[in-house]
């Protein structure tokens, strides 16, 4: 992705009423809607991180996958950040958006050392060059088909993603 740096986040909702569609944040005294008294459904968040050494970008994306289409609710892209700060940002996102957190961290990748220092549960996954191409192509298709929603402030990033071409294709 291109040369911009920053983060976007809409703030997490923890519960959603499937009946009246109201959203509730924080810890509730019961798992029932305060308006229509129907059972609430917990939000399902999925966060993935691709970490990099000094010259490349670290990227983290969080999706609310509670219902289709999925919604991008937080995005970060940064570089030249010390490892303790990268670790802090990953842990903070995992606490803010509870759910599955994935980190490119197996097979001797850059993320391996981070797993030891994170204070939140993170799953190590191995991305290969081929799987990264497949992932970007799947994201491009989801964006083109409207299967993935995103906040307006990520418009530039999604335009970059849609135009991205791998050098070795």
Protein backbone atom coordinates (compact mmCIF):
# COMPACT_ATOMS: atom_id res chain seq x y z
CA UNK A 1 0.00 0.00 0.00
CA UNK A 2 1.04 3.58 -0.52
CA UNK A 3 2.87 6.16 1.47
CA UNK A 4 0.26 7.42 3.91
CA UNK A 5 0.50 6.70 7.61
CA UNK A 6 -2.16 6.73 10.26
CA UNK A 7 -5.02 4.94 11.94
CA UNK A 8 -8.78 4.93 11.64
CA UNK A 9 -11.25 3.55 14.13
CA UNK A 10 -14.96 3.84 14.70
CA UNK A 11 -15.06 2.53 18.27
CA UNK A 12 -16.33 -0.91 19.19
CA UNK A 13 -19.89 -1.94 19.88
CA UNK A 14 -19.99 -5.04 22.06
CA UNK A 15 -23.58 -6.23 21.54
CA UNK A 16 -26.24 -5.98 18.84
CA UNK A 17 -29.94 -6.72 19.05
CA UNK A 18 -30.90 -8.75 15.95
CA UNK A 19 -34.50 -7.63 16.35
CA UNK A 20 -34.41 -3.83 16.72
CA UNK A 21 -30.73 -3.57 15.60
CA UNK A 22 -29.71 -1.31 18.46
CA UNK A 23 -26.09 -1.57 19.53
CA UNK A 24 -24.75 -1.55 23.07
CA UNK A 25 -21.22 -0.96 24.29
CA UNK A 26 -19.48 -1.97 27.48
CA UNK A 27 -20.46 -4.63 29.96
CA UNK A 28 -24.20 -5.12 30.36
CA UNK A 29 -25.96 -6.51 33.41
CA UNK A 30 -27.82 -8.97 31.19
CA UNK A 31 -27.63 -10.25 27.64
CA UNK A 32 -31.08 -8.90 26.78
CA UNK A 33 -31.99 -5.83 24.73
CA UNK A 34 -32.97 -2.92 26.96
CA UNK A 35 -35.59 -1.81 24.41
CA UNK A 36 -37.34 -4.88 22.98
CA UNK A 37 -36.21 -7.45 25.61
CA UNK A 38 -34.84 -9.90 23.01
CA UNK A 39 -31.50 -11.73 23.42
CA UNK A 40 -28.46 -9.73 22.36
CA UNK A 41 -25.82 -11.13 20.07
CA UNK A 42 -22.15 -10.44 20.82
CA UNK A 43 -20.15 -8.68 18.14
CA UNK A 44 -17.64 -10.89 16.31
CA UNK A 45 -14.39 -9.06 15.64
CA UNK A 46 -11.46 -10.40 13.60
CA UNK A 47 -8.14 -8.57 13.61
CA UNK A 48 -5.13 -9.42 11.45
CA UNK A 49 -1.63 -7.94 11.66
CA UNK A 50 1.23 -8.09 9.20
CA UNK A 51 4.31 -6.75 10.94
CA UNK A 52 7.50 -5.67 9.25
CA UNK A 53 11.00 -4.54 9.97
CA UNK A 54 12.07 -0.92 9.73
CA UNK A 55 11.60 -0.18 6.03
CA UNK A 56 8.28 -1.85 5.30
CA UNK A 57 4.83 -1.09 6.69
CA UNK A 58 3.14 -2.73 9.68
CA UNK A 59 -0.56 -3.09 8.89
CA UNK A 60 -3.45 -4.03 11.17
CA UNK A 61 -7.07 -4.37 10.11
CA UNK A 62 -10.10 -5.18 12.26
CA UNK A 63 -13.38 -6.40 10.82
CA UNK A 64 -16.76 -6.62 12.45
CA UNK A 65 -17.86 -9.96 11.02
CA UNK A 66 -21.12 -10.20 12.98
CA UNK A 67 -23.15 -10.03 9.78
CA UNK A 68 -22.56 -9.68 6.06
CA UNK A 69 -21.20 -7.56 4.59
CA UNK A 70 -18.31 -7.34 7.03
CA UNK A 71 -17.38 -3.84 8.21
CA UNK A 72 -13.85 -2.50 8.60
CA UNK A 73 -13.93 -0.88 12.04
CA UNK A 74 -10.24 -0.14 12.63
CA UNK A 75 -7.17 0.15 10.46
CA UNK A 76 -3.56 1.06 11.24
CA UNK A 77 -0.54 1.43 9.00
CA UNK A 78 2.79 2.60 10.32
CA UNK A 79 6.54 2.08 9.95
CA UNK A 80 9.76 2.91 11.74
CA UNK A 81 8.14 2.19 15.11
CA UNK A 82 10.14 0.40 17.85
CA UNK A 83 9.09 -3.18 18.73
CA UNK A 84 7.73 -2.27 22.20
CA UNK A 85 5.36 0.24 20.57
CA UNK A 86 4.28 -2.27 17.89
CA UNK A 87 3.55 -4.75 20.68
CA UNK A 88 1.59 -2.13 22.63
CA UNK A 89 -0.54 -1.25 19.59
CA UNK A 90 -1.36 -4.91 18.85
CA UNK A 91 -2.31 -5.57 22.49
CA UNK A 92 -4.41 -2.39 22.71
CA UNK A 93 -6.37 -3.31 19.57
CA UNK A 94 -6.99 -6.85 20.87
CA UNK A 95 -8.40 -5.42 24.11
CA UNK A 96 -10.52 -2.81 22.34
CA UNK A 97 -11.97 -5.28 19.82
CA UNK A 98 -12.18 -8.66 21.59
CA UNK A 99 -12.27 -11.66 19.28
CA UNK A 100 -9.69 -13.44 17.16
CA UNK A 101 -6.39 -11.67 16.59
CA UNK A 102 -4.04 -13.09 13.95
CA UNK A 103 -0.37 -12.23 13.55
CA UNK A 104 1.97 -13.21 10.74
CA UNK A 105 4.36 -15.05 13.00
CA UNK A 106 5.33 -18.57 12.00
CA UNK A 107 8.11 -19.93 9.87
CA UNK A 108 10.75 -17.52 11.18
CA UNK A 109 8.87 -14.36 10.24
CA UNK A 110 9.33 -10.94 11.78
CA UNK A 111 6.31 -11.43 14.05
CA UNK A 112 7.73 -14.47 15.89
CA UNK A 113 9.48 -12.49 18.66
CA UNK A 114 6.38 -10.37 19.27
CA UNK A 115 4.31 -13.36 20.42
CA UNK A 116 6.47 -13.61 23.55
CA UNK A 117 5.81 -10.02 24.58
CA UNK A 118 2.10 -9.58 23.85
CA UNK A 119 -0.14 -9.47 26.91
CA UNK A 120 -3.27 -10.56 25.00
CA UNK A 121 -4.07 -13.83 23.20
CA UNK A 122 -2.88 -13.76 19.60
CA UNK A 123 -2.87 -16.59 17.06
CA UNK A 124 0.24 -17.02 14.96
CA UNK A 125 -0.41 -17.69 11.29
CA UNK A 126 2.03 -18.14 8.45
CA UNK A 127 1.64 -15.95 5.41
CA UNK A 128 3.63 -16.92 2.36
CA UNK A 129 4.20 -14.74 -0.69
CA UNK A 130 1.51 -16.75 -2.52
CA UNK A 131 -1.00 -16.49 0.35
CA UNK A 132 -0.44 -12.72 0.55
CA UNK A 133 -1.22 -12.41 -3.16
CA UNK A 134 -4.35 -14.53 -2.66
CA UNK A 135 -5.36 -12.44 0.35
CA UNK A 136 -4.98 -9.14 -1.49
CA UNK A 137 -6.90 -10.51 -4.48
CA UNK A 138 -9.70 -11.74 -2.16
CA UNK A 139 -9.86 -8.29 -0.51
CA UNK A 140 -9.97 -6.61 -3.92
CA UNK A 141 -12.84 -8.87 -5.00
CA UNK A 142 -14.74 -8.28 -1.72
CA UNK A 143 -14.40 -4.51 -2.17
CA UNK A 144 -15.48 -4.63 -5.82
CA UNK A 145 -18.53 -6.79 -4.96
CA UNK A 146 -19.56 -4.72 -1.94
CA UNK A 147 -18.92 -7.63 0.45
CA UNK A 148 -16.75 -5.45 2.66
CA UNK A 149 -17.81 -2.05 3.97
CA UNK A 150 -15.35 0.56 5.21
CA UNK A 151 -15.49 4.05 6.71
CA UNK A 152 -15.06 7.02 4.38
CA UNK A 153 -11.69 7.95 5.92
CA UNK A 154 -10.27 4.70 4.48
CA UNK A 155 -11.25 5.64 0.93
CA UNK A 156 -7.65 6.37 -0.10
CA UNK A 157 -6.42 3.07 1.34
CA UNK A 158 -9.13 1.06 -0.43
CA UNK A 159 -8.37 2.83 -3.71
CA UNK A 160 -4.70 1.87 -3.28
CA UNK A 161 -5.68 -1.72 -2.50
CA UNK A 162 -7.94 -1.95 -5.55
CA UNK A 163 -5.14 -0.66 -7.80
CA UNK A 164 -2.36 -2.73 -6.19
CA UNK A 165 -0.38 -5.03 -8.49
CA UNK A 166 2.27 -7.50 -7.33
CA UNK A 167 5.66 -6.99 -8.98
CA UNK A 168 6.31 -10.71 -9.53
CA UNK A 169 2.98 -11.76 -11.13
